[in-house]
Amino acid sequence: MPSSLDQPALWNVPVRLDEVPETGRHVALAADAATRAAIAAHAGLRTLDRLEVVFDLSRRGTDGLHVTGEVSADVGQVCVVSLEPVDNKVIEQIDLDFLPAGAMEHTRTLSDTVDDGGEEPPELLQNGAVDLGALAVEFLILGLEPYPRKPGVEFVGPQDENGVSGPFAALAKLKTGPKSQN
């Protein structure tokens, strides 16, 4: 199965480590209509009317980056019960560290000997850069409602003539039905 690294990025906004000064860098982005359409198609969205991200990048030592920020979007999905359009807002927080490959090996060795308290390991810098667009798409998809429902809509499963419903309704019918002779 190919990884997401094998596929071209839907929104490509690389920032190299050497483009981030010691004082840090603030980046605000808004996806254009063509980019939003491609991301919506990839994510299975009905619409993606707005996708905005704000990042604050700071140095992590001499060769790493710390990225914090927020992804916010207006998405159109489909109700899993009624199949009607549903509009949702997505707001996802980002807080990640990025290190080059060599530093990652050193970090893995340290993490094998020290309990990090459940903290996520750093991500890998790609050619000395972080792709903020790809990061935004990843967090947008993570923030999507997996089973969107229109407000007030509830799923009611099928019922038989006795009002029995659920995954074991057929078994209940067998239990109460006439017994067969062998």
N, C-alpha and C. Protein backbone atom coordinates (compact mmCIF):
# COMPACT_ATOMS: atom_id res chain seq x y z
N MET A 1 0.85 -1.18 0.00
CA MET A 1 0.00 0.00 0.00
C MET A 1 0.89 1.24 0.00
N PRO A 2 0.70 2.17 -0.93
CA PRO A 2 1.54 3.36 -0.98
C PRO A 2 1.23 4.29 0.18
N SER A 3 2.25 4.95 0.67
CA SER A 3 2.04 5.91 1.76
C SER A 3 1.72 7.27 1.17
N SER A 4 1.28 8.17 2.06
CA SER A 4 0.95 9.51 1.60
C SER A 4 2.19 10.24 1.08
N LEU A 5 3.38 9.77 1.49
CA LEU A 5 4.61 10.40 1.01
C LEU A 5 4.85 10.08 -0.46
N ASP A 6 4.25 8.98 -0.96
CA ASP A 6 4.42 8.59 -2.35
C ASP A 6 3.53 9.39 -3.29
N GLN A 7 2.52 10.04 -2.74
CA GLN A 7 1.56 10.79 -3.55
C GLN A 7 1.92 12.27 -3.52
N PRO A 8 1.64 12.98 -4.62
CA PRO A 8 1.93 14.41 -4.61
C PRO A 8 1.02 15.13 -3.61
N ALA A 9 1.55 16.16 -2.99
CA ALA A 9 0.78 16.93 -2.01
C ALA A 9 -0.33 17.69 -2.71
N LEU A 10 -1.49 17.75 -2.05
CA LEU A 10 -2.63 18.49 -2.58
C LEU A 10 -2.44 19.99 -2.41
N TRP A 11 -1.70 20.36 -1.39
CA TRP A 11 -1.43 21.77 -1.10
C TRP A 11 0.02 21.82 -0.65
N ASN A 12 0.87 22.38 -1.47
CA ASN A 12 2.30 22.35 -1.24
C ASN A 12 2.80 23.73 -0.80
N VAL A 13 3.18 23.86 0.47
CA VAL A 13 3.72 25.12 1.00
C VAL A 13 4.93 24.78 1.88
N PRO A 14 6.07 24.46 1.24
CA PRO A 14 7.24 24.10 2.05
C PRO A 14 7.90 25.32 2.68
N VAL A 15 8.38 25.13 3.90
CA VAL A 15 9.18 26.15 4.59
C VAL A 15 10.44 25.45 5.07
N ARG A 16 11.56 25.95 4.59
CA ARG A 16 12.86 25.36 4.95
C ARG A 16 13.29 25.85 6.33
N LEU A 17 14.06 25.01 6.98
CA LEU A 17 14.60 25.33 8.30
C LEU A 17 15.35 26.65 8.28
N ASP A 18 16.15 26.88 7.23
CA ASP A 18 16.94 28.11 7.17
C ASP A 18 16.10 29.35 6.86
N GLU A 19 14.82 29.18 6.58
CA GLU A 19 13.91 30.32 6.37
C GLU A 19 13.22 30.76 7.67
N VAL A 20 13.52 30.07 8.75
CA VAL A 20 12.92 30.40 10.05
C VAL A 20 14.01 31.03 10.92
N PRO A 21 13.90 32.33 11.19
CA PRO A 21 14.92 32.99 12.01
C PRO A 21 14.86 32.53 13.47
N GLU A 22 15.86 32.85 14.21
CA GLU A 22 15.92 32.49 15.64
C GLU A 22 14.72 33.05 16.41
N THR A 23 14.19 34.18 15.94
CA THR A 23 13.05 34.79 16.61
C THR A 23 11.73 34.12 16.24
N GLY A 24 11.75 33.21 15.28
CA GLY A 24 10.54 32.50 14.87
C GLY A 24 9.90 33.11 13.63
N ARG A 25 8.86 32.48 13.16
CA ARG A 25 8.17 32.95 11.96
C ARG A 25 6.68 32.63 12.08
N HIS A 26 5.86 33.60 11.72
CA HIS A 26 4.40 33.45 11.72
C HIS A 26 3.95 33.31 10.26
N VAL A 27 3.12 32.31 9.98
CA VAL A 27 2.65 32.07 8.62
C VAL A 27 1.13 31.90 8.67
N ALA A 28 0.41 32.69 7.87
CA ALA A 28 -1.04 32.55 7.73
C ALA A 28 -1.33 32.21 6.27
N LEU A 29 -2.13 31.16 6.06
CA LEU A 29 -2.43 30.69 4.71
C LEU A 29 -3.93 30.50 4.53
N ALA A 30 -4.37 30.70 3.30
CA ALA A 30 -5.76 30.40 2.92
C ALA A 30 -5.70 29.69 1.56
N ALA A 31 -6.33 28.54 1.48
CA ALA A 31 -6.31 27.76 0.24
C ALA A 31 -7.21 28.41 -0.81
N ASP A 32 -6.75 28.42 -2.06
CA ASP A 32 -7.57 28.97 -3.15
C ASP A 32 -8.62 27.95 -3.57
N ALA A 33 -9.52 28.35 -4.46
CA ALA A 33 -10.65 27.52 -4.86
C ALA A 33 -10.22 26.20 -5.49
N ALA A 34 -9.21 26.22 -6.35
CA ALA A 34 -8.76 24.99 -7.01
C ALA A 34 -8.15 24.02 -5.99
N THR A 35 -7.39 24.53 -5.06
CA THR A 35 -6.80 23.69 -4.02
C THR A 35 -7.88 23.11 -3.13
N ARG A 36 -8.86 23.93 -2.74
CA ARG A 36 -9.97 23.44 -1.91
C ARG A 36 -10.75 22.35 -2.63
N ALA A 37 -10.97 22.51 -3.93
CA ALA A 37 -11.71 21.50 -4.70
C ALA A 37 -10.94 20.17 -4.72
N ALA A 38 -9.63 20.23 -4.90
CA ALA A 38 -8.82 19.00 -4.92
C ALA A 38 -8.82 18.32 -3.55
N ILE A 39 -8.72 19.11 -2.50
CA ILE A 39 -8.73 18.56 -1.14
C ILE A 39 -10.09 17.96 -0.83
N ALA A 40 -11.17 18.65 -1.22
CA ALA A 40 -12.53 18.15 -0.99
C ALA A 40 -12.73 16.80 -1.68
N ALA A 41 -12.27 16.69 -2.92
CA ALA A 41 -12.41 15.43 -3.65
C ALA A 41 -11.61 14.32 -2.96
N HIS A 42 -10.40 14.63 -2.53
CA HIS A 42 -9.55 13.66 -1.85
C HIS A 42 -10.16 13.19 -0.53
N ALA A 43 -10.76 14.11 0.22
CA ALA A 43 -11.30 13.81 1.54
C ALA A 43 -12.74 13.31 1.50
N GLY A 44 -13.35 13.27 0.33
CA GLY A 44 -14.73 12.81 0.22
C GLY A 44 -15.74 13.81 0.75
N LEU A 45 -15.41 15.08 0.62
CA LEU A 45 -16.30 16.13 1.09
C LEU A 45 -17.22 16.60 -0.04
N ARG A 46 -18.41 17.01 0.33
CA ARG A 46 -19.33 17.60 -0.63
C ARG A 46 -18.80 18.96 -1.07
N THR A 47 -18.34 19.76 -0.12
CA THR A 47 -17.76 21.08 -0.38
C THR A 47 -16.67 21.38 0.65
N LEU A 48 -15.80 22.28 0.28
CA LEU A 48 -14.82 22.84 1.20
C LEU A 48 -14.78 24.33 0.88
N ASP A 49 -15.66 25.07 1.57
CA ASP A 49 -15.85 26.49 1.26
C ASP A 49 -14.73 27.39 1.78
N ARG A 50 -14.06 26.95 2.86
CA ARG A 50 -13.00 27.76 3.45
C ARG A 50 -12.00 26.83 4.11
N LEU A 51 -10.71 27.11 3.88
CA LEU A 51 -9.63 26.40 4.57
C LEU A 51 -8.54 27.41 4.86
N GLU A 52 -8.38 27.71 6.14
CA GLU A 52 -7.38 28.68 6.59
C GLU A 52 -6.54 28.06 7.68
N VAL A 53 -5.27 28.42 7.68
CA VAL A 53 -4.36 27.92 8.72
C VAL A 53 -3.46 29.04 9.19
N VAL A 54 -3.10 28.94 10.45
CA VAL A 54 -2.16 29.88 11.05
C VAL A 54 -1.09 29.04 11.74
N PHE A 55 0.16 29.31 11.43
CA PHE A 55 1.28 28.57 12.01
C PHE A 55 2.24 29.53 12.69
N ASP A 56 2.81 29.08 13.78
CA ASP A 56 3.95 29.74 14.41
C ASP A 56 5.08 28.72 14.43
N LEU A 57 6.17 29.07 13.76
CA LEU A 57 7.32 28.18 13.66
C LEU A 57 8.45 28.75 14.50
N SER A 58 9.10 27.89 15.26
CA SER A 58 10.26 28.32 16.04
C SER A 58 11.31 27.23 15.95
N ARG A 59 12.56 27.65 16.18
CA ARG A 59 13.67 26.70 16.11
C ARG A 59 13.60 25.75 17.30
N ARG A 60 13.93 24.50 17.05
CA ARG A 60 14.08 23.50 18.11
C ARG A 60 15.53 23.07 18.06
N GLY A 61 16.35 23.68 18.89
CA GLY A 61 17.79 23.45 18.82
C GLY A 61 18.34 24.09 17.55
N THR A 62 19.39 23.51 17.01
CA THR A 62 20.01 24.09 15.81
C THR A 62 19.48 23.49 14.52
N ASP A 63 18.89 22.30 14.61
CA ASP A 63 18.50 21.63 13.37
C ASP A 63 17.05 21.14 13.33
N GLY A 64 16.22 21.64 14.24
CA GLY A 64 14.83 21.21 14.28
C GLY A 64 13.87 22.38 14.31
N LEU A 65 12.60 22.07 14.12
CA LEU A 65 11.54 23.08 14.15
C LEU A 65 10.42 22.64 15.09
N HIS A 66 9.82 23.61 15.75
CA HIS A 66 8.61 23.40 16.53
C HIS A 66 7.51 24.15 15.81
N VAL A 67 6.42 23.45 15.48
CA VAL A 67 5.32 24.06 14.73
C VAL A 67 4.05 23.97 15.56
N THR A 68 3.46 25.14 15.82
CA THR A 68 2.16 25.18 16.47
C THR A 68 1.22 25.94 15.53
N GLY A 69 -0.06 25.73 15.71
CA GLY A 69 -0.99 26.45 14.86
C GLY A 69 -2.40 25.92 14.96
N GLU A 70 -3.22 26.42 14.03
CA GLU A 70 -4.62 26.03 14.01
C GLU A 70 -5.11 25.95 12.57
N VAL A 71 -5.82 24.88 12.28
CA VAL A 71 -6.49 24.71 10.99
C VAL A 71 -7.97 24.98 11.23
N SER A 72 -8.57 25.82 10.41
CA SER A 72 -10.01 26.04 10.51
C SER A 72 -10.61 25.98 9.11
N ALA A 73 -11.80 25.37 9.04
CA ALA A 73 -12.41 25.16 7.73
C ALA A 73 -13.92 25.07 7.85
N ASP A 74 -14.60 25.39 6.76
CA ASP A 74 -16.04 25.18 6.61
C ASP A 74 -16.19 24.07 5.58
N VAL A 75 -16.76 22.94 6.02
CA VAL A 75 -16.87 21.78 5.14
C VAL A 75 -18.32 21.38 4.95
N GLY A 76 -18.59 20.83 3.79
CA GLY A 76 -19.90 20.25 3.49
C GLY A 76 -19.76 18.75 3.42
N GLN A 77 -20.53 18.06 4.25
CA GLN A 77 -20.51 16.61 4.28
C GLN A 77 -21.91 16.09 3.96
N VAL A 78 -22.10 14.79 4.04
CA VAL A 78 -23.39 14.18 3.79
C VAL A 78 -23.81 13.42 5.05
N CYS A 79 -25.04 13.65 5.50
CA CYS A 79 -25.57 12.99 6.70
C CYS A 79 -25.58 11.48 6.46
N VAL A 80 -25.01 10.72 7.40
CA VAL A 80 -24.94 9.27 7.25
C VAL A 80 -26.30 8.59 7.44
N VAL A 81 -27.28 9.31 7.98
CA VAL A 81 -28.61 8.74 8.19
C VAL A 81 -29.56 9.11 7.06
N SER A 82 -29.68 10.41 6.79
CA SER A 82 -30.67 10.87 5.81
C SER A 82 -30.09 11.14 4.43
N LEU A 83 -28.77 11.15 4.31
CA LEU A 83 -28.05 11.47 3.06
C LEU A 83 -28.29 12.90 2.60
N GLU A 84 -28.73 13.76 3.51
CA GLU A 84 -28.91 15.18 3.21
C GLU A 84 -27.61 15.93 3.48
N PRO A 85 -27.45 17.10 2.85
CA PRO A 85 -26.24 17.90 3.08
C PRO A 85 -26.14 18.36 4.55
N VAL A 86 -24.92 18.34 5.06
CA VAL A 86 -24.63 18.81 6.41
C VAL A 86 -23.42 19.74 6.31
N ASP A 87 -23.52 20.90 6.92
CA ASP A 87 -22.39 21.83 6.95
C ASP A 87 -21.77 21.80 8.34
N ASN A 88 -20.46 21.64 8.39
CA ASN A 88 -19.73 21.58 9.65
C ASN A 88 -18.54 22.52 9.63
N LYS A 89 -18.08 22.86 10.82
CA LYS A 89 -16.85 23.63 10.98
C LYS A 89 -15.80 22.70 11.58
N VAL A 90 -14.58 22.85 11.11
CA VAL A 90 -13.46 22.07 11.64
C VAL A 90 -12.47 23.06 12.22
N ILE A 91 -12.06 22.79 13.46
CA ILE A 91 -10.99 23.56 14.10
C ILE A 91 -10.07 22.55 14.77
N GLU A 92 -8.84 22.48 14.30
CA GLU A 92 -7.85 21.53 14.82
C GLU A 92 -6.58 22.26 15.22
N GLN A 93 -6.08 21.93 16.40
CA GLN A 93 -4.84 22.50 16.91
C GLN A 93 -3.66 21.64 16.46
N ILE A 94 -2.55 22.30 16.18
CA ILE A 94 -1.33 21.61 15.76
C ILE A 94 -0.21 21.97 16.74
N ASP A 95 0.53 20.97 17.16
CA ASP A 95 1.68 21.18 18.04
C ASP A 95 2.65 20.02 17.79
N LEU A 96 3.62 20.24 16.90
CA LEU A 96 4.53 19.18 16.49
C LEU A 96 5.97 19.66 16.47
N ASP A 97 6.87 18.72 16.69
CA ASP A 97 8.30 18.95 16.54
C ASP A 97 8.79 18.21 15.31
N PHE A 98 9.74 18.80 14.60
CA PHE A 98 10.35 18.21 13.41
C PHE A 98 11.85 18.21 13.58
N LEU A 99 12.47 17.08 13.24
CA LEU A 99 13.92 16.94 13.31
C LEU A 99 14.43 16.31 12.02
N PRO A 100 15.70 16.53 11.68
CA PRO A 100 16.27 15.85 10.51
C PRO A 100 16.46 14.36 10.80
N ALA A 101 16.66 13.58 9.74
CA ALA A 101 16.77 12.12 9.87
C ALA A 101 17.86 11.70 10.86
N GLY A 102 19.03 12.30 10.82
CA GLY A 102 20.12 11.93 11.73
C GLY A 102 19.76 12.14 13.18
N ALA A 103 19.11 13.23 13.47
CA ALA A 103 18.69 13.52 14.84
C ALA A 103 17.59 12.56 15.27
N MET A 104 16.79 12.09 14.32
CA MET A 104 15.72 11.15 14.63
C MET A 104 16.29 9.84 15.17
N GLU A 105 17.38 9.36 14.59
CA GLU A 105 18.00 8.11 15.06
C GLU A 105 18.48 8.28 16.50
N HIS A 106 19.07 9.43 16.79
CA HIS A 106 19.54 9.71 18.15
C HIS A 106 18.35 9.79 19.11
N THR A 107 17.26 10.41 18.67
CA THR A 107 16.06 10.54 19.49
C THR A 107 15.46 9.17 19.78
N ARG A 108 15.42 8.27 18.78
CA ARG A 108 14.89 6.93 18.98
C ARG A 108 15.72 6.17 20.01
N THR A 109 17.04 6.33 19.95
CA THR A 109 17.90 5.65 20.90
C THR A 109 17.62 6.15 22.31
N LEU A 110 17.46 7.46 22.47
CA LEU A 110 17.14 8.02 23.78
C LEU A 110 15.77 7.58 24.24
N SER A 111 14.78 7.55 23.35
CA SER A 111 13.42 7.19 23.76
C SER A 111 13.31 5.73 24.13
N ASP A 112 14.20 4.89 23.63
CA ASP A 112 14.20 3.49 24.01
C ASP A 112 14.63 3.31 25.47
N THR A 113 15.42 4.25 25.99
CA THR A 113 15.94 4.13 27.35
C THR A 113 15.20 5.01 28.36
N VAL A 114 14.42 5.98 27.88
CA VAL A 114 13.73 6.92 28.77
C VAL A 114 12.24 6.87 28.47
N ASP A 115 11.41 6.79 29.53
CA ASP A 115 9.96 6.85 29.34
C ASP A 115 9.58 8.31 29.10
N ASP A 116 9.00 8.58 27.95
CA ASP A 116 8.68 9.97 27.58
C ASP A 116 7.29 10.40 28.05
N GLY A 117 6.61 9.58 28.84
CA GLY A 117 5.31 9.96 29.37
C GLY A 117 4.22 10.02 28.32
N GLY A 118 4.35 9.28 27.23
CA GLY A 118 3.32 9.26 26.20
C GLY A 118 3.43 10.37 25.18
N GLU A 119 4.49 11.14 25.25
CA GLU A 119 4.68 12.24 24.31
C GLU A 119 4.99 11.70 22.92
N GLU A 120 4.42 12.33 21.90
CA GLU A 120 4.64 11.90 20.52
C GLU A 120 6.09 12.12 20.11
N PRO A 121 6.67 11.19 19.37
CA PRO A 121 8.04 11.40 18.87
C PRO A 121 8.03 12.48 17.79
N PRO A 122 9.16 13.12 17.56
CA PRO A 122 9.22 14.17 16.53
C PRO A 122 8.96 13.61 15.14
N GLU A 123 8.47 14.48 14.26
CA GLU A 123 8.27 14.15 12.86
C GLU A 123 9.60 14.36 12.12
N LEU A 124 9.67 13.87 10.91
CA LEU A 124 10.89 13.95 10.12
C LEU A 124 10.82 15.14 9.16
N LEU A 125 11.86 15.97 9.18
CA LEU A 125 11.98 17.03 8.18
C LEU A 125 12.22 16.38 6.82
N GLN A 126 11.58 16.88 5.77
CA GLN A 126 11.77 16.36 4.42
C GLN A 126 12.68 17.33 3.66
N ASN A 127 13.90 16.91 3.39
CA ASN A 127 14.88 17.76 2.71
C ASN A 127 15.07 19.09 3.43
N GLY A 128 15.09 19.04 4.76
CA GLY A 128 15.31 20.23 5.57
C GLY A 128 14.12 21.17 5.62
N ALA A 129 12.92 20.67 5.29
CA ALA A 129 11.74 21.55 5.25
C ALA A 129 10.52 20.85 5.83
N VAL A 130 9.53 21.67 6.18
CA VAL A 130 8.21 21.21 6.60
C VAL A 130 7.22 21.71 5.56
N ASP A 131 6.36 20.83 5.06
CA ASP A 131 5.33 21.23 4.11
C ASP A 131 4.09 21.62 4.89
N LEU A 132 3.89 22.93 5.08
CA LEU A 132 2.77 23.41 5.87
C LEU A 132 1.43 23.11 5.22
N GLY A 133 1.38 23.11 3.89
CA GLY A 133 0.14 22.78 3.20
C GLY A 133 -0.27 21.34 3.46
N ALA A 134 0.66 20.42 3.32
CA ALA A 134 0.37 19.00 3.57
C ALA A 134 -0.02 18.79 5.03
N LEU A 135 0.64 19.50 5.94
CA LEU A 135 0.31 19.41 7.36
C LEU A 135 -1.12 19.90 7.61
N ALA A 136 -1.49 20.99 6.96
CA ALA A 136 -2.86 21.52 7.10
C ALA A 136 -3.89 20.52 6.60
N VAL A 137 -3.63 19.89 5.46
CA VAL A 137 -4.57 18.90 4.91
C VAL A 137 -4.70 17.71 5.86
N GLU A 138 -3.57 17.25 6.39
CA GLU A 138 -3.59 16.12 7.32
C GLU A 138 -4.46 16.42 8.53
N PHE A 139 -4.29 17.59 9.13
CA PHE A 139 -5.06 17.93 10.33
C PHE A 139 -6.51 18.25 10.00
N LEU A 140 -6.78 18.79 8.81
CA LEU A 140 -8.16 18.98 8.38
C LEU A 140 -8.87 17.62 8.35
N ILE A 141 -8.25 16.64 7.72
CA ILE A 141 -8.87 15.32 7.60
C ILE A 141 -9.04 14.67 8.97
N LEU A 142 -8.06 14.84 9.85
CA LEU A 142 -8.19 14.31 11.21
C LEU A 142 -9.37 14.94 11.95
N GLY A 143 -9.67 16.20 11.65
CA GLY A 143 -10.73 16.92 12.35
C GLY A 143 -12.13 16.72 11.78
N LEU A 144 -12.25 16.02 10.66
CA LEU A 144 -13.57 15.82 10.07
C LEU A 144 -14.43 14.92 10.94
N GLU A 145 -15.72 15.21 10.97
CA GLU A 145 -16.68 14.36 11.66
C GLU A 145 -16.79 13.07 10.87
N PRO A 146 -16.43 11.91 11.47
CA PRO A 146 -16.45 10.67 10.69
C PRO A 146 -17.86 10.19 10.34
N TYR A 147 -18.84 10.51 11.15
CA TYR A 147 -20.23 10.11 10.90
C TYR A 147 -21.13 11.34 11.04
N PRO A 148 -21.06 12.24 10.06
CA PRO A 148 -21.84 13.48 10.19
C PRO A 148 -23.34 13.20 10.18
N ARG A 149 -24.07 13.93 11.03
CA ARG A 149 -25.53 13.81 11.09
C ARG A 149 -26.14 15.19 11.06
N LYS A 150 -27.22 15.27 10.36
CA LYS A 150 -28.01 16.50 10.35
C LYS A 150 -28.63 16.65 11.75
N PRO A 151 -28.68 17.85 12.30
CA PRO A 151 -29.24 18.02 13.65
C PRO A 151 -30.67 17.47 13.74
N GLY A 152 -30.92 16.71 14.79
CA GLY A 152 -32.25 16.15 15.03
C GLY A 152 -32.53 14.84 14.33
N VAL A 153 -31.63 14.38 13.49
CA VAL A 153 -31.84 13.13 12.76
C VAL A 153 -31.25 11.97 13.55
N GLU A 154 -32.05 10.92 13.74
CA GLU A 154 -31.58 9.74 14.45
C GLU A 154 -31.84 8.51 13.60
N PHE A 155 -30.97 7.55 13.71
CA PHE A 155 -31.13 6.30 12.99
C PHE A 155 -32.11 5.41 13.73
N VAL A 156 -33.10 4.88 13.02
CA VAL A 156 -34.04 3.91 13.57
C VAL A 156 -33.92 2.66 12.72
N GLY A 157 -33.49 1.59 13.32
CA GLY A 157 -33.30 0.35 12.59
C GLY A 157 -34.63 -0.28 12.21
N PRO A 158 -34.59 -1.21 11.28
CA PRO A 158 -35.82 -1.88 10.87
C PRO A 158 -36.39 -2.72 12.00
N GLN A 159 -37.73 -2.80 12.05
CA GLN A 159 -38.40 -3.60 13.08
C GLN A 159 -39.31 -4.61 12.40
N ASP A 160 -39.46 -5.77 13.06
CA ASP A 160 -40.38 -6.76 12.51
C ASP A 160 -41.79 -6.47 13.01
N GLU A 161 -42.74 -7.32 12.67
CA GLU A 161 -44.14 -7.08 13.02
C GLU A 161 -44.39 -7.11 14.53
N ASN A 162 -43.49 -7.71 15.32
CA ASN A 162 -43.65 -7.75 16.77
C ASN A 162 -42.96 -6.59 17.47
N GLY A 163 -42.35 -5.69 16.69
CA GLY A 163 -41.66 -4.55 17.28
C GLY A 163 -40.26 -4.88 17.75
N VAL A 164 -39.77 -6.06 17.43
CA VAL A 164 -38.43 -6.46 17.84
C VAL A 164 -37.45 -5.94 16.79
N SER A 165 -36.38 -5.32 17.25
CA SER A 165 -35.38 -4.81 16.32
C SER A 165 -33.99 -5.11 16.86
N GLY A 166 -33.00 -4.84 16.04
CA GLY A 166 -31.63 -5.02 16.47
C GLY A 166 -30.97 -6.17 15.76
N PRO A 167 -29.69 -6.37 16.03
CA PRO A 167 -28.93 -7.39 15.30
C PRO A 167 -29.38 -8.82 15.63
N PHE A 168 -30.05 -9.03 16.76
CA PHE A 168 -30.46 -10.38 17.15
C PHE A 168 -31.97 -10.60 17.02
N ALA A 169 -32.65 -9.74 16.27
CA ALA A 169 -34.10 -9.86 16.11
C ALA A 169 -34.47 -11.21 15.49
N ALA A 170 -33.71 -11.65 14.51
CA ALA A 170 -34.03 -12.93 13.87
C ALA A 170 -33.87 -14.08 14.86
N LEU A 171 -32.88 -14.02 15.73
CA LEU A 171 -32.70 -15.07 16.74
C LEU A 171 -33.84 -15.05 17.75
N ALA A 172 -34.30 -13.86 18.13
CA ALA A 172 -35.41 -13.75 19.07
C ALA A 172 -36.67 -14.36 18.46
N LYS A 173 -36.85 -14.18 17.18
CA LYS A 173 -38.00 -14.72 16.48
C LYS A 173 -37.95 -16.25 16.52
N LEU A 174 -36.77 -16.83 16.34
CA LEU A 174 -36.61 -18.28 16.39
C LEU A 174 -36.92 -18.81 17.80
N LYS A 175 -36.52 -18.06 18.80
CA LYS A 175 -36.73 -18.48 20.18
C LYS A 175 -38.21 -18.53 20.53
N THR A 176 -38.98 -17.56 20.05
CA THR A 176 -40.39 -17.47 20.39
C THR A 176 -41.28 -18.20 19.40
N GLY A 177 -40.71 -18.60 18.28
CA GLY A 177 -41.51 -19.28 17.24
C GLY A 177 -41.74 -20.73 17.58
N PRO A 178 -42.53 -21.44 16.74
CA PRO A 178 -42.82 -22.85 16.99
C PRO A 178 -41.55 -23.69 16.94
N LYS A 179 -41.50 -24.67 17.82
CA LYS A 179 -40.34 -25.56 17.84
C LYS A 179 -40.52 -26.64 16.79
N SER A 180 -39.44 -26.94 16.12
CA SER A 180 -39.50 -27.96 15.08
C SER A 180 -39.26 -29.32 15.66
N GLN A 181 -39.86 -30.35 15.06
CA GLN A 181 -39.68 -31.73 15.48
C GLN A 181 -38.53 -32.33 14.70
N ASN A 182 -37.71 -33.15 15.32
CA ASN A 182 -36.63 -33.85 14.64
C ASN A 182 -37.06 -35.18 14.15
